[in-house]
PDB file of N, CA and C in Angstrom:
ATOM      1  N   MET A   1       0.852  -1.170   0.000  1.00  0.00           N
ATOM      2  CA  MET A   1       0.000   0.000   0.000  1.00  0.00           C
ATOM      3  C   MET A   1       0.899   1.233   0.000  1.00  0.00           C
ATOM      4  N   LYS A   2       0.470   2.250  -0.744  1.00  0.00           N
ATOM      5  CA  LYS A   2       1.212   3.501  -0.834  1.00  0.00           C
ATOM      6  C   LYS A   2       0.203   4.637  -0.722  1.00  0.00           C
ATOM      7  N   ILE A   3       0.562   5.680   0.022  1.00  0.00           N
ATOM      8  CA  ILE A   3      -0.318   6.833   0.186  1.00  0.00           C
ATOM      9  C   ILE A   3       0.422   8.071  -0.305  1.00  0.00           C
ATOM     10  N   GLU A   4      -0.246   8.853  -1.151  1.00  0.00           N
ATOM     11  CA  GLU A   4       0.334  10.095  -1.654  1.00  0.00           C
ATOM     12  C   GLU A   4      -0.637  11.242  -1.416  1.00  0.00           C
ATOM     13  N   TYR A   5      -0.068  12.412  -1.100  1.00  0.00           N
ATOM     14  CA  TYR A   5      -0.883  13.613  -0.957  1.00  0.00           C
ATOM     15  C   TYR A   5      -0.262  14.705  -1.803  1.00  0.00           C
ATOM     16  N   ASP A   6      -1.073  15.342  -2.639  1.00  0.00           N
ATOM     17  CA  ASP A   6      -0.641  16.449  -3.477  1.00  0.00           C
ATOM     18  C   ASP A   6      -1.256  17.729  -2.902  1.00  0.00           C
ATOM     19  N   PRO A   7      -0.449  18.553  -2.200  1.00  0.00           N
ATOM     20  CA  PRO A   7      -1.008  19.745  -1.567  1.00  0.00           C
ATOM     21  C   PRO A   7      -1.473  20.804  -2.566  1.00  0.00           C
ATOM     22  N   GLU A   8      -0.889  20.846  -3.757  1.00  0.00           N
ATOM     23  CA  GLU A   8      -1.317  21.827  -4.760  1.00  0.00           C
ATOM     24  C   GLU A   8      -2.734  21.557  -5.240  1.00  0.00           C
ATOM     25  N   ARG A   9      -3.050  20.282  -5.430  1.00  0.00           N
ATOM     26  CA  ARG A   9      -4.398  19.902  -5.873  1.00  0.00           C
ATOM     27  C   ARG A   9      -5.283  19.471  -4.717  1.00  0.00           C
ATOM     28  N   ASP A  10      -4.709  19.395  -3.498  1.00  0.00           N
ATOM     29  CA  ASP A  10      -5.418  18.930  -2.296  1.00  0.00           C
ATOM     30  C   ASP A  10      -6.056  17.571  -2.560  1.00  0.00           C
ATOM     31  N   LEU A  11      -5.229  16.659  -3.056  1.00  0.00           N
ATOM     32  CA  LEU A  11      -5.682  15.337  -3.482  1.00  0.00           C
ATOM     33  C   LEU A  11      -4.926  14.255  -2.712  1.00  0.00           C
ATOM     34  N   LEU A  12      -5.664  13.326  -2.135  1.00  0.00           N
ATOM     35  CA  LEU A  12      -5.087  12.183  -1.437  1.00  0.00           C
ATOM     36  C   LEU A  12      -5.394  10.938  -2.245  1.00  0.00           C
ATOM     37  N   TYR A  13      -4.375  10.095  -2.462  1.00  0.00           N
ATOM     38  CA  TYR A  13      -4.597   8.843  -3.189  1.00  0.00           C
ATOM     39  C   TYR A  13      -3.961   7.710  -2.412  1.00  0.00           C
ATOM     40  N   ILE A  14      -4.734   6.659  -2.202  1.00  0.00           N
ATOM     41  CA  ILE A  14      -4.252   5.463  -1.516  1.00  0.00           C
ATOM     42  C   ILE A  14      -4.183   4.353  -2.552  1.00  0.00           C
ATOM     43  N   TYR A  15      -2.981   3.848  -2.789  1.00  0.00           N
ATOM     44  CA  TYR A  15      -2.751   2.775  -3.760  1.00  0.00           C
ATOM     45  C   TYR A  15      -2.800   1.427  -3.047  1.00  0.00           C
ATOM     46  N   PHE A  16      -3.560   0.493  -3.581  1.00  0.00           N
ATOM     47  CA  PHE A  16      -3.578  -0.886  -3.099  1.00  0.00           C
ATOM     48  C   PHE A  16      -2.891  -1.817  -4.091  1.00  0.00           C
ATOM     49  N   ALA A  17      -2.463  -1.260  -5.210  1.00  0.00           N
ATOM     50  CA  ALA A  17      -1.727  -1.989  -6.243  1.00  0.00           C
ATOM     51  C   ALA A  17      -0.569  -1.086  -6.655  1.00  0.00           C
ATOM     52  N   GLU A  18       0.292  -1.584  -7.500  1.00  0.00           N
ATOM     53  CA  GLU A  18       1.386  -0.761  -8.003  1.00  0.00           C
ATOM     54  C   GLU A  18       0.803   0.421  -8.775  1.00  0.00           C
ATOM     55  N   PRO A  19       1.401   1.609  -8.664  1.00  0.00           N
ATOM     56  CA  PRO A  19       0.856   2.793  -9.332  1.00  0.00           C
ATOM     57  C   PRO A  19       0.677   2.656 -10.846  1.00  0.00           C
ATOM     58  N   GLU A  20       1.440   1.778 -11.480  1.00  0.00           N
ATOM     59  CA  GLU A  20       1.298   1.632 -12.934  1.00  0.00           C
ATOM     60  C   GLU A  20       0.083   0.801 -13.358  1.00  0.00           C
ATOM     61  N   VAL A  21      -0.596   0.147 -12.403  1.00  0.00           N
ATOM     62  CA  VAL A  21      -1.813  -0.605 -12.725  1.00  0.00           C
ATOM     63  C   VAL A  21      -2.910   0.403 -13.071  1.00  0.00           C
ATOM     64  N   LYS A  22      -3.507   0.243 -14.233  1.00  0.00           N
ATOM     65  CA  LYS A  22      -4.514   1.187 -14.724  1.00  0.00           C
ATOM     66  C   LYS A  22      -5.919   0.815 -14.256  1.00  0.00           C
ATOM     67  N   ALA A  23      -6.689   1.852 -13.962  1.00  0.00           N
ATOM     68  CA  ALA A  23      -8.075   1.645 -13.555  1.00  0.00           C
ATOM     69  C   ALA A  23      -8.942   1.355 -14.781  1.00  0.00           C
ATOM     70  N   ALA A  24      -9.785   0.357 -14.655  1.00  0.00           N
ATOM     71  CA  ALA A  24     -10.743   0.032 -15.704  1.00  0.00           C
ATOM     72  C   ALA A  24     -12.114   0.619 -15.371  1.00  0.00           C
ATOM     73  N   GLN A  25     -12.333   0.893 -14.078  1.00  0.00           N
ATOM     74  CA  GLN A  25     -13.614   1.434 -13.635  1.00  0.00           C
ATOM     75  C   GLN A  25     -13.382   2.293 -12.400  1.00  0.00           C
ATOM     76  N   THR A  26     -14.075   3.426 -12.329  1.00  0.00           N
ATOM     77  CA  THR A  26     -14.038   4.294 -11.155  1.00  0.00           C
ATOM     78  C   THR A  26     -15.462   4.443 -10.649  1.00  0.00           C
ATOM     79  N   VAL A  27     -15.629   4.246  -9.345  1.00  0.00           N
ATOM     80  CA  VAL A  27     -16.943   4.330  -8.714  1.00  0.00           C
ATOM     81  C   VAL A  27     -16.905   5.458  -7.687  1.00  0.00           C
ATOM     82  N   THR A  28     -17.886   6.354  -7.739  1.00  0.00           N
ATOM     83  CA  THR A  28     -17.995   7.402  -6.735  1.00  0.00           C
ATOM     84  C   THR A  28     -18.646   6.796  -5.497  1.00  0.00           C
ATOM     85  N   ILE A  29     -17.903   6.833  -4.402  1.00  0.00           N
ATOM     86  CA  ILE A  29     -18.389   6.260  -3.143  1.00  0.00           C
ATOM     87  C   ILE A  29     -19.275   7.263  -2.421  1.00  0.00           C
ATOM     88  N   THR A  30     -18.789   8.465  -2.352  1.00  0.00           N
ATOM     89  CA  THR A  30     -19.494   9.607  -1.784  1.00  0.00           C
ATOM     90  C   THR A  30     -18.909  10.820  -2.501  1.00  0.00           C
ATOM     91  N   PRO A  31     -19.580  11.952  -2.543  1.00  0.00           N
ATOM     92  CA  PRO A  31     -19.000  13.079  -3.267  1.00  0.00           C
ATOM     93  C   PRO A  31     -17.557  13.366  -2.828  1.00  0.00           C
ATOM     94  N   GLY A  32     -16.655  13.363  -3.789  1.00  0.00           N
ATOM     95  CA  GLY A  32     -15.243  13.627  -3.517  1.00  0.00           C
ATOM     96  C   GLY A  32     -14.409  12.412  -3.179  1.00  0.00           C
ATOM     97  N   VAL A  33     -15.031  11.252  -3.058  1.00  0.00           N
ATOM     98  CA  VAL A  33     -14.294  10.013  -2.751  1.00  0.00           C
ATOM     99  C   VAL A  33     -14.605   8.995  -3.845  1.00  0.00           C
ATOM    100  N   HIS A  34     -13.544   8.550  -4.529  1.00  0.00           N
ATOM    101  CA  HIS A  34     -13.702   7.650  -5.671  1.00  0.00           C
ATOM    102  C   HIS A  34     -12.838   6.403  -5.491  1.00  0.00           C
ATOM    103  N   ALA A  35     -13.383   5.264  -5.850  1.00  0.00           N
ATOM    104  CA  ALA A  35     -12.658   3.996  -5.787  1.00  0.00           C
ATOM    105  C   ALA A  35     -12.338   3.543  -7.202  1.00  0.00           C
ATOM    106  N   ASP A  36     -11.083   3.165  -7.432  1.00  0.00           N
ATOM    107  CA  ASP A  36     -10.645   2.666  -8.732  1.00  0.00           C
ATOM    108  C   ASP A  36     -10.502   1.154  -8.681  1.00  0.00           C
ATOM    109  N   PHE A  37     -10.984   0.489  -9.743  1.00  0.00           N
ATOM    110  CA  PHE A  37     -10.923  -0.965  -9.849  1.00  0.00           C
ATOM    111  C   PHE A  37     -10.203  -1.341 -11.139  1.00  0.00           C
ATOM    112  N   ASP A  38      -9.474  -2.460 -11.095  1.00  0.00           N
ATOM    113  CA  ASP A  38      -8.802  -2.937 -12.307  1.00  0.00           C
ATOM    114  C   ASP A  38      -9.775  -3.731 -13.171  1.00  0.00           C
ATOM    115  N   LYS A  39      -9.274  -4.303 -14.258  1.00  0.00           N
ATOM    116  CA  LYS A  39     -10.134  -5.042 -15.197  1.00  0.00           C
ATOM    117  C   LYS A  39     -10.756  -6.282 -14.580  1.00  0.00           C
ATOM    118  N   ASP A  40     -10.205  -6.763 -13.452  1.00  0.00           N
ATOM    119  CA  ASP A  40     -10.753  -7.930 -12.763  1.00  0.00           C
ATOM    120  C   ASP A  40     -11.626  -7.536 -11.570  1.00  0.00           C
ATOM    121  N   SER A  41     -12.017  -6.254 -11.509  1.00  0.00           N
ATOM    122  CA  SER A  41     -12.862  -5.705 -10.437  1.00  0.00           C
ATOM    123  C   SER A  41     -12.186  -5.719  -9.070  1.00  0.00           C
ATOM    124  N   LYS A  42     -10.864  -5.722  -9.059  1.00  0.00           N
ATOM    125  CA  LYS A  42     -10.105  -5.662  -7.808  1.00  0.00           C
ATOM    126  C   LYS A  42      -9.839  -4.199  -7.467  1.00  0.00           C
ATOM    127  N   LEU A  43     -10.075  -3.820  -6.202  1.00  0.00           N
ATOM    128  CA  LEU A  43      -9.822  -2.459  -5.746  1.00  0.00           C
ATOM    129  C   LEU A  43      -8.331  -2.163  -5.856  1.00  0.00           C
ATOM    130  N   ILE A  44      -7.988  -1.099  -6.599  1.00  0.00           N
ATOM    131  CA  ILE A  44      -6.574  -0.755  -6.751  1.00  0.00           C
ATOM    132  C   ILE A  44      -6.235   0.591  -6.123  1.00  0.00           C
ATOM    133  N   GLY A  45      -7.252   1.395  -5.791  1.00  0.00           N
ATOM    134  CA  GLY A  45      -6.950   2.682  -5.180  1.00  0.00           C
ATOM    135  C   GLY A  45      -8.184   3.464  -4.793  1.00  0.00           C
ATOM    136  N   ILE A  46      -7.961   4.426  -3.895  1.00  0.00           N
ATOM    137  CA  ILE A  46      -9.020   5.326  -3.459  1.00  0.00           C
ATOM    138  C   ILE A  46      -8.483   6.745  -3.570  1.00  0.00           C
ATOM    139  N   GLU A  47      -9.278   7.615  -4.182  1.00  0.00           N
ATOM    140  CA  GLU A  47      -8.909   9.012  -4.354  1.00  0.00           C
ATOM    141  C   GLU A  47      -9.845   9.881  -3.526  1.00  0.00           C
ATOM    142  N   VAL A  48      -9.261  10.841  -2.789  1.00  0.00           N
ATOM    143  CA  VAL A  48     -10.057  11.776  -2.003  1.00  0.00           C
ATOM    144  C   VAL A  48      -9.748  13.182  -2.514  1.00  0.00           C
ATOM    145  N   ILE A  49     -10.751  13.831  -3.076  1.00  0.00           N
ATOM    146  CA  ILE A  49     -10.623  15.191  -3.581  1.00  0.00           C
ATOM    147  C   ILE A  49     -10.938  16.165  -2.446  1.00  0.00           C
ATOM    148  N   GLU A  50     -10.237  17.289  -2.407  1.00  0.00           N
ATOM    149  CA  GLU A  50     -10.338  18.256  -1.312  1.00  0.00           C
ATOM    150  C   GLU A  50     -10.062  17.562   0.015  1.00  0.00           C
ATOM    151  N   ALA A  51      -8.960  16.837   0.034  1.00  0.00           N
ATOM    152  CA  ALA A  51      -8.607  15.998   1.177  1.00  0.00           C
ATOM    153  C   ALA A  51      -8.448  16.778   2.479  1.00  0.00           C
ATOM    154  N   SER A  52      -8.008  18.038   2.407  1.00  0.00           N
ATOM    155  CA  SER A  52      -7.811  18.797   3.644  1.00  0.00           C
ATOM    156  C   SER A  52      -9.120  19.020   4.387  1.00  0.00           C
ATOM    157  N   LYS A  53     -10.242  18.964   3.676  1.00  0.00           N
ATOM    158  CA  LYS A  53     -11.543  19.122   4.327  1.00  0.00           C
ATOM    159  C   LYS A  53     -11.951  17.870   5.091  1.00  0.00           C
ATOM    160  N   VAL A  54     -11.402  16.709   4.716  1.00  0.00           N
ATOM    161  CA  VAL A  54     -11.801  15.470   5.379  1.00  0.00           C
ATOM    162  C   VAL A  54     -10.697  14.888   6.268  1.00  0.00           C
ATOM    163  N   MET A  55      -9.480  15.430   6.173  1.00  0.00           N
ATOM    164  CA  MET A  55      -8.390  14.916   7.013  1.00  0.00           C
ATOM    165  C   MET A  55      -8.749  15.171   8.481  1.00  0.00           C
ATOM    166  N   GLY A  56      -8.527  14.193   9.297  1.00  0.00           N
ATOM    167  CA  GLY A  56      -8.828  14.337  10.713  1.00  0.00           C
ATOM    168  C   GLY A  56     -10.248  13.951  11.069  1.00  0.00           C
ATOM    169  N   LYS A  57     -11.090  13.780  10.064  1.00  0.00           N
ATOM    170  CA  LYS A  57     -12.457  13.324  10.308  1.00  0.00           C
ATOM    171  C   LYS A  57     -12.513  11.828  10.081  1.00  0.00           C
ATOM    172  N   LYS A  58     -13.458  11.195  10.718  1.00  0.00           N
ATOM    173  CA  LYS A  58     -13.653   9.768  10.500  1.00  0.00           C
ATOM    174  C   LYS A  58     -14.470   9.576   9.229  1.00  0.00           C
ATOM    175  N   ILE A  59     -13.898   8.839   8.292  1.00  0.00           N
ATOM    176  CA  ILE A  59     -14.581   8.603   7.024  1.00  0.00           C
ATOM    177  C   ILE A  59     -14.901   7.122   6.939  1.00  0.00           C
ATOM    178  N   GLU A  60     -16.150   6.809   6.726  1.00  0.00           N
ATOM    179  CA  GLU A  60     -16.555   5.421   6.563  1.00  0.00           C
ATOM    180  C   GLU A  60     -17.405   5.309   5.312  1.00  0.00           C
ATOM    181  N   PHE A  61     -17.183   4.260   4.559  1.00  0.00           N
ATOM    182  CA  PHE A  61     -18.017   3.990   3.399  1.00  0.00           C
ATOM    183  C   PHE A  61     -17.902   2.530   3.048  1.00  0.00           C
ATOM    184  N   LYS A  62     -18.905   2.042   2.340  1.00  0.00           N
ATOM    185  CA  LYS A  62     -18.903   0.662   1.863  1.00  0.00           C
ATOM    186  C   LYS A  62     -18.701   0.678   0.368  1.00  0.00           C
ATOM    187  N   LEU A  63     -17.925  -0.250  -0.119  1.00  0.00           N
ATOM    188  CA  LEU A  63     -17.722  -0.384  -1.553  1.00  0.00           C
ATOM    189  C   LEU A  63     -18.811  -1.254  -2.141  1.00  0.00           C
ATOM    190  N   PRO A  64     -19.361  -0.849  -3.256  1.00  0.00           N
ATOM    191  CA  PRO A  64     -20.401  -1.666  -3.873  1.00  0.00           C
ATOM    192  C   PRO A  64     -19.821  -2.964  -4.411  1.00  0.00           C
ATOM    193  N   GLU A  65     -20.637  -3.997  -4.426  1.00  0.00           N
ATOM    194  CA  GLU A  65     -20.220  -5.257  -5.014  1.00  0.00           C
ATOM    195  C   GLU A  65     -20.273  -5.128  -6.534  1.00  0.00           C
ATOM    196  N   LEU A  66     -19.207  -5.493  -7.188  1.00  0.00           N
ATOM    197  CA  LEU A  66     -19.145  -5.406  -8.645  1.00  0.00           C
ATOM    198  C   LEU A  66     -19.181  -6.795  -9.239  1.00  0.00           C
ATOM    199  N   THR A  67     -19.863  -6.898 -10.338  1.00  0.00           N
ATOM    200  CA  THR A  67     -19.872  -8.179 -11.050  1.00  0.00           C
ATOM    201  C   THR A  67     -18.919  -8.086 -12.222  1.00  0.00           C
ATOM    202  N   ALA A  68     -18.316  -9.183 -12.568  1.00  0.00           N
ATOM    203  CA  ALA A  68     -17.388  -9.194 -13.697  1.00  0.00           C
ATOM    204  C   ALA A  68     -18.147  -8.920 -14.983  1.00  0.00           C
ATOM    205  N   ALA A  69     -17.541  -8.099 -15.810  1.00  0.00           N
ATOM    206  CA  ALA A  69     -18.216  -7.724 -17.073  1.00  0.00           C
ATOM    207  C   ALA A  69     -18.057  -8.803 -18.124  1.00  0.00           C
TER     208      ALA A  69
END
């Protein structure tokens, strides 16, 4: 797992796969929070937009079940 924060864009990204793995699908979990999945529907990362607004707060969400295409 790798975590990156870009202060210029106020963007937080949590990698669950190598950064070069490309997302095949992105699902909006809640406004500003997006989950990226690979071609096999495996979670590869989570992106938080305007991260400074949510840092320090407890964030909870459930990922939807995806079926293979």
